[in-house]
Amino acid sequence: MIPCRRYLRHARSRLADERGDVPGWVLITLMTAGLVIIIWSLAGPALSSVFEQAIARVSGF
């Protein structure tokens, strides 16, 4: 039981001291948005075509 308390105390102190890396998170967010834009521009027409075909097949029943 004691190691569990020690672990919890250590975890609380680490969380209290954590300030975060704001520039890092901003960079990750911007890079993710950039990747989404690039992938969407490349795959958008194909995904649109697949969606339209699926709707046409369902509407055909």
PDB file of N, CA and C in Angstrom:
ATOM      1  N   MET A   1       0.817  -1.193   0.000  1.00  0.00           N
ATOM      2  CA  MET A   1       0.000   0.000   0.000  1.00  0.00           C
ATOM      3  C   MET A   1       0.864   1.262   0.000  1.00  0.00           C
ATOM      4  N   ILE A   2       1.978   1.206   0.677  1.00  0.00           N
ATOM      5  CA  ILE A   2       2.854   2.377   0.754  1.00  0.00           C
ATOM      6  C   ILE A   2       3.408   2.762  -0.609  1.00  0.00           C
ATOM      7  N   PRO A   3       3.867   1.804  -1.449  1.00  0.00           N
ATOM      8  CA  PRO A   3       4.350   2.229  -2.773  1.00  0.00           C
ATOM      9  C   PRO A   3       3.283   2.933  -3.594  1.00  0.00           C
ATOM     10  N   CYS A   4       2.039   2.556  -3.411  1.00  0.00           N
ATOM     11  CA  CYS A   4       0.946   3.211  -4.136  1.00  0.00           C
ATOM     12  C   CYS A   4       0.821   4.670  -3.698  1.00  0.00           C
ATOM     13  N   ARG A   5       0.913   4.912  -2.391  1.00  0.00           N
ATOM     14  CA  ARG A   5       0.838   6.288  -1.901  1.00  0.00           C
ATOM     15  C   ARG A   5       2.009   7.113  -2.405  1.00  0.00           C
ATOM     16  N   ARG A   6       3.177   6.488  -2.414  1.00  0.00           N
ATOM     17  CA  ARG A   6       4.365   7.189  -2.902  1.00  0.00           C
ATOM     18  C   ARG A   6       4.198   7.532  -4.389  1.00  0.00           C
ATOM     19  N   TYR A   7       3.652   6.600  -5.144  1.00  0.00           N
ATOM     20  CA  TYR A   7       3.420   6.844  -6.570  1.00  0.00           C
ATOM     21  C   TYR A   7       2.422   7.984  -6.773  1.00  0.00           C
ATOM     22  N   LEU A   8       1.334   7.970  -5.998  1.00  0.00           N
ATOM     23  CA  LEU A   8       0.333   9.028  -6.132  1.00  0.00           C
ATOM     24  C   LEU A   8       0.911  10.387  -5.759  1.00  0.00           C
ATOM     25  N   ARG A   9       1.706  10.432  -4.694  1.00  0.00           N
ATOM     26  CA  ARG A   9       2.328  11.688  -4.283  1.00  0.00           C
ATOM     27  C   ARG A   9       3.268  12.200  -5.379  1.00  0.00           C
ATOM     28  N   HIS A  10       4.023  11.271  -5.960  1.00  0.00           N
ATOM     29  CA  HIS A  10       4.943  11.653  -7.039  1.00  0.00           C
ATOM     30  C   HIS A  10       4.163  12.155  -8.258  1.00  0.00           C
ATOM     31  N   ALA A  11       3.075  11.463  -8.594  1.00  0.00           N
ATOM     32  CA  ALA A  11       2.271  11.863  -9.753  1.00  0.00           C
ATOM     33  C   ALA A  11       1.644  13.238  -9.532  1.00  0.00           C
ATOM     34  N   ARG A  12       1.144  13.501  -8.323  1.00  0.00           N
ATOM     35  CA  ARG A  12       0.550  14.805  -8.037  1.00  0.00           C
ATOM     36  C   ARG A  12       1.575  15.923  -8.136  1.00  0.00           C
ATOM     37  N   SER A  13       2.778  15.664  -7.622  1.00  0.00           N
ATOM     38  CA  SER A  13       3.801  16.704  -7.691  1.00  0.00           C
ATOM     39  C   SER A  13       4.224  16.965  -9.135  1.00  0.00           C
ATOM     40  N   ARG A  14       4.276  15.925  -9.937  1.00  0.00           N
ATOM     41  CA  ARG A  14       4.633  16.113 -11.347  1.00  0.00           C
ATOM     42  C   ARG A  14       3.553  16.885 -12.090  1.00  0.00           C
ATOM     43  N   LEU A  15       2.304  16.589 -11.802  1.00  0.00           N
ATOM     44  CA  LEU A  15       1.212  17.296 -12.467  1.00  0.00           C
ATOM     45  C   LEU A  15       1.146  18.753 -12.025  1.00  0.00           C
ATOM     46  N   ALA A  16       1.448  19.006 -10.773  1.00  0.00           N
ATOM     47  CA  ALA A  16       1.412  20.374 -10.275  1.00  0.00           C
ATOM     48  C   ALA A  16       2.537  21.209 -10.872  1.00  0.00           C
ATOM     49  N   ASP A  17       3.683  20.589 -11.137  1.00  0.00           N
ATOM     50  CA  ASP A  17       4.829  21.302 -11.689  1.00  0.00           C
ATOM     51  C   ASP A  17       4.787  21.417 -13.203  1.00  0.00           C
ATOM     52  N   GLU A  18       3.887  20.701 -13.838  1.00  0.00           N
ATOM     53  CA  GLU A  18       3.854  20.661 -15.301  1.00  0.00           C
ATOM     54  C   GLU A  18       3.258  21.960 -15.836  1.00  0.00           C
ATOM     55  N   ARG A  19       4.020  22.671 -16.594  1.00  0.00           N
ATOM     56  CA  ARG A  19       3.533  23.919 -17.198  1.00  0.00           C
ATOM     57  C   ARG A  19       3.163  23.725 -18.663  1.00  0.00           C
ATOM     58  N   GLY A  20       3.654  22.690 -19.262  1.00  0.00           N
ATOM     59  CA  GLY A  20       3.344  22.419 -20.654  1.00  0.00           C
ATOM     60  C   GLY A  20       4.294  23.133 -21.585  1.00  0.00           C
ATOM     61  N   ASP A  21       4.265  22.700 -22.810  1.00  0.00           N
ATOM     62  CA  ASP A  21       5.135  23.260 -23.832  1.00  0.00           C
ATOM     63  C   ASP A  21       4.235  23.885 -24.891  1.00  0.00           C
ATOM     64  N   VAL A  22       3.823  25.122 -24.665  1.00  0.00           N
ATOM     65  CA  VAL A  22       2.862  25.778 -25.545  1.00  0.00           C
ATOM     66  C   VAL A  22       3.376  25.880 -26.980  1.00  0.00           C
ATOM     67  N   PRO A  23       4.605  26.343 -27.223  1.00  0.00           N
ATOM     68  CA  PRO A  23       5.053  26.408 -28.610  1.00  0.00           C
ATOM     69  C   PRO A  23       5.065  25.042 -29.290  1.00  0.00           C
ATOM     70  N   GLY A  24       5.390  24.009 -28.535  1.00  0.00           N
ATOM     71  CA  GLY A  24       5.374  22.659 -29.103  1.00  0.00           C
ATOM     72  C   GLY A  24       3.979  22.241 -29.519  1.00  0.00           C
ATOM     73  N   TRP A  25       2.996  22.510 -28.664  1.00  0.00           N
ATOM     74  CA  TRP A  25       1.625  22.147 -28.997  1.00  0.00           C
ATOM     75  C   TRP A  25       1.092  22.971 -30.164  1.00  0.00           C
ATOM     76  N   VAL A  26       1.498  24.219 -30.243  1.00  0.00           N
ATOM     77  CA  VAL A  26       1.080  25.049 -31.380  1.00  0.00           C
ATOM     78  C   VAL A  26       1.662  24.477 -32.665  1.00  0.00           C
ATOM     79  N   LEU A  27       2.933  24.088 -32.618  1.00  0.00           N
ATOM     80  CA  LEU A  27       3.568  23.517 -33.805  1.00  0.00           C
ATOM     81  C   LEU A  27       2.897  22.218 -34.215  1.00  0.00           C
ATOM     82  N   ILE A  28       2.592  21.368 -33.244  1.00  0.00           N
ATOM     83  CA  ILE A  28       1.919  20.104 -33.555  1.00  0.00           C
ATOM     84  C   ILE A  28       0.547  20.364 -34.169  1.00  0.00           C
ATOM     85  N   THR A  29      -0.181  21.332 -33.627  1.00  0.00           N
ATOM     86  CA  THR A  29      -1.508  21.652 -34.155  1.00  0.00           C
ATOM     87  C   THR A  29      -1.429  22.175 -35.580  1.00  0.00           C
ATOM     88  N   LEU A  30      -0.483  23.062 -35.827  1.00  0.00           N
ATOM     89  CA  LEU A  30      -0.327  23.599 -37.183  1.00  0.00           C
ATOM     90  C   LEU A  30       0.113  22.527 -38.172  1.00  0.00           C
ATOM     91  N   MET A  31       1.019  21.665 -37.745  1.00  0.00           N
ATOM     92  CA  MET A  31       1.464  20.593 -38.642  1.00  0.00           C
ATOM     93  C   MET A  31       0.325  19.617 -38.932  1.00  0.00           C
ATOM     94  N   THR A  32      -0.487  19.319 -37.932  1.00  0.00           N
ATOM     95  CA  THR A  32      -1.627  18.426 -38.148  1.00  0.00           C
ATOM     96  C   THR A  32      -2.630  19.059 -39.106  1.00  0.00           C
ATOM     97  N   ALA A  33      -2.899  20.341 -38.926  1.00  0.00           N
ATOM     98  CA  ALA A  33      -3.817  21.029 -39.834  1.00  0.00           C
ATOM     99  C   ALA A  33      -3.260  21.028 -41.255  1.00  0.00           C
ATOM    100  N   GLY A  34      -1.961  21.243 -41.389  1.00  0.00           N
ATOM    101  CA  GLY A  34      -1.334  21.208 -42.715  1.00  0.00           C
ATOM    102  C   GLY A  34      -1.457  19.840 -43.364  1.00  0.00           C
ATOM    103  N   LEU A  35      -1.234  18.786 -42.580  1.00  0.00           N
ATOM    104  CA  LEU A  35      -1.369  17.429 -43.125  1.00  0.00           C
ATOM    105  C   LEU A  35      -2.806  17.133 -43.544  1.00  0.00           C
ATOM    106  N   VAL A  36      -3.759  17.584 -42.754  1.00  0.00           N
ATOM    107  CA  VAL A  36      -5.169  17.364 -43.104  1.00  0.00           C
ATOM    108  C   VAL A  36      -5.500  18.073 -44.410  1.00  0.00           C
ATOM    109  N   ILE A  37      -5.024  19.291 -44.565  1.00  0.00           N
ATOM    110  CA  ILE A  37      -5.289  20.043 -45.803  1.00  0.00           C
ATOM    111  C   ILE A  37      -4.659  19.348 -47.004  1.00  0.00           C
ATOM    112  N   ILE A  38      -3.422  18.894 -46.854  1.00  0.00           N
ATOM    113  CA  ILE A  38      -2.740  18.223 -47.974  1.00  0.00           C
ATOM    114  C   ILE A  38      -3.446  16.919 -48.326  1.00  0.00           C
ATOM    115  N   ILE A  39      -3.762  16.107 -47.319  1.00  0.00           N
ATOM    116  CA  ILE A  39      -4.422  14.823 -47.592  1.00  0.00           C
ATOM    117  C   ILE A  39      -5.810  15.053 -48.172  1.00  0.00           C
ATOM    118  N   TRP A  40      -6.540  16.043 -47.645  1.00  0.00           N
ATOM    119  CA  TRP A  40      -7.881  16.324 -48.164  1.00  0.00           C
ATOM    120  C   TRP A  40      -7.822  16.789 -49.619  1.00  0.00           C
ATOM    121  N   SER A  41      -6.821  17.603 -49.960  1.00  0.00           N
ATOM    122  CA  SER A  41      -6.726  18.082 -51.339  1.00  0.00           C
ATOM    123  C   SER A  41      -6.371  16.952 -52.297  1.00  0.00           C
ATOM    124  N   LEU A  42      -5.601  15.973 -51.817  1.00  0.00           N
ATOM    125  CA  LEU A  42      -5.244  14.856 -52.683  1.00  0.00           C
ATOM    126  C   LEU A  42      -6.352  13.807 -52.763  1.00  0.00           C
ATOM    127  N   ALA A  43      -6.972  13.505 -51.638  1.00  0.00           N
ATOM    128  CA  ALA A  43      -7.943  12.416 -51.599  1.00  0.00           C
ATOM    129  C   ALA A  43      -9.390  12.892 -51.678  1.00  0.00           C
ATOM    130  N   GLY A  44      -9.622  14.180 -51.630  1.00  0.00           N
ATOM    131  CA  GLY A  44     -10.983  14.706 -51.636  1.00  0.00           C
ATOM    132  C   GLY A  44     -11.829  14.266 -52.812  1.00  0.00           C
ATOM    133  N   PRO A  45     -11.336  14.419 -54.029  1.00  0.00           N
ATOM    134  CA  PRO A  45     -12.145  13.988 -55.175  1.00  0.00           C
ATOM    135  C   PRO A  45     -12.458  12.486 -55.163  1.00  0.00           C
ATOM    136  N   ALA A  46     -11.480  11.671 -54.770  1.00  0.00           N
ATOM    137  CA  ALA A  46     -11.717  10.230 -54.723  1.00  0.00           C
ATOM    138  C   ALA A  46     -12.736   9.881 -53.637  1.00  0.00           C
ATOM    139  N   LEU A  47     -12.622  10.510 -52.484  1.00  0.00           N
ATOM    140  CA  LEU A  47     -13.583  10.254 -51.408  1.00  0.00           C
ATOM    141  C   LEU A  47     -14.977  10.727 -51.790  1.00  0.00           C
ATOM    142  N   SER A  48     -15.053  11.826 -52.482  1.00  0.00           N
ATOM    143  CA  SER A  48     -16.337  12.337 -52.933  1.00  0.00           C
ATOM    144  C   SER A  48     -16.981  11.366 -53.924  1.00  0.00           C
ATOM    145  N   SER A  49     -16.184  10.835 -54.802  1.00  0.00           N
ATOM    146  CA  SER A  49     -16.684   9.869 -55.780  1.00  0.00           C
ATOM    147  C   SER A  49     -17.182   8.596 -55.098  1.00  0.00           C
ATOM    148  N   VAL A  50     -16.427   8.101 -54.140  1.00  0.00           N
ATOM    149  CA  VAL A  50     -16.847   6.897 -53.411  1.00  0.00           C
ATOM    150  C   VAL A  50     -18.145   7.159 -52.664  1.00  0.00           C
ATOM    151  N   PHE A  51     -18.258   8.326 -52.035  1.00  0.00           N
ATOM    152  CA  PHE A  51     -19.475   8.664 -51.302  1.00  0.00           C
ATOM    153  C   PHE A  51     -20.673   8.733 -52.245  1.00  0.00           C
ATOM    154  N   GLU A  52     -20.511   9.369 -53.395  1.00  0.00           N
ATOM    155  CA  GLU A  52     -21.612   9.481 -54.355  1.00  0.00           C
ATOM    156  C   GLU A  52     -22.028   8.121 -54.885  1.00  0.00           C
ATOM    157  N   GLN A  53     -21.068   7.233 -55.125  1.00  0.00           N
ATOM    158  CA  GLN A  53     -21.396   5.878 -55.580  1.00  0.00           C
ATOM    159  C   GLN A  53     -22.158   5.114 -54.505  1.00  0.00           C
ATOM    160  N   ALA A  54     -21.742   5.260 -53.246  1.00  0.00           N
ATOM    161  CA  ALA A  54     -22.423   4.562 -52.153  1.00  0.00           C
ATOM    162  C   ALA A  54     -23.851   5.077 -52.015  1.00  0.00           C
ATOM    163  N   ILE A  55     -24.046   6.376 -52.110  1.00  0.00           N
ATOM    164  CA  ILE A  55     -25.408   6.930 -52.015  1.00  0.00           C
ATOM    165  C   ILE A  55     -26.258   6.455 -53.184  1.00  0.00           C
ATOM    166  N   ALA A  56     -25.666   6.398 -54.359  1.00  0.00           N
ATOM    167  CA  ALA A  56     -26.425   5.938 -55.536  1.00  0.00           C
ATOM    168  C   ALA A  56     -26.845   4.483 -55.372  1.00  0.00           C
ATOM    169  N   ARG A  57     -25.979   3.662 -54.807  1.00  0.00           N
ATOM    170  CA  ARG A  57     -26.335   2.247 -54.624  1.00  0.00           C
ATOM    171  C   ARG A  57     -27.433   2.088 -53.581  1.00  0.00           C
ATOM    172  N   VAL A  58     -27.362   2.872 -52.510  1.00  0.00           N
ATOM    173  CA  VAL A  58     -28.385   2.771 -51.463  1.00  0.00           C
ATOM    174  C   VAL A  58     -29.710   3.318 -51.985  1.00  0.00           C
ATOM    175  N   SER A  59     -29.656   4.369 -52.769  1.00  0.00           N
ATOM    176  CA  SER A  59     -30.889   4.956 -53.308  1.00  0.00           C
ATOM    177  C   SER A  59     -31.525   4.055 -54.349  1.00  0.00           C
ATOM    178  N   GLY A  60     -30.739   3.162 -54.938  1.00  0.00           N
ATOM    179  CA  GLY A  60     -31.248   2.285 -55.988  1.00  0.00           C
ATOM    180  C   GLY A  60     -32.138   1.196 -55.469  1.00  0.00           C
ATOM    181  N   PHE A  61     -32.133   0.926 -54.174  1.00  0.00           N
ATOM    182  CA  PHE A  61     -32.959  -0.161 -53.637  1.00  0.00           C
ATOM    183  C   PHE A  61     -34.355   0.212 -53.604  1.00  0.00           C
TER     184      PHE A  61
END
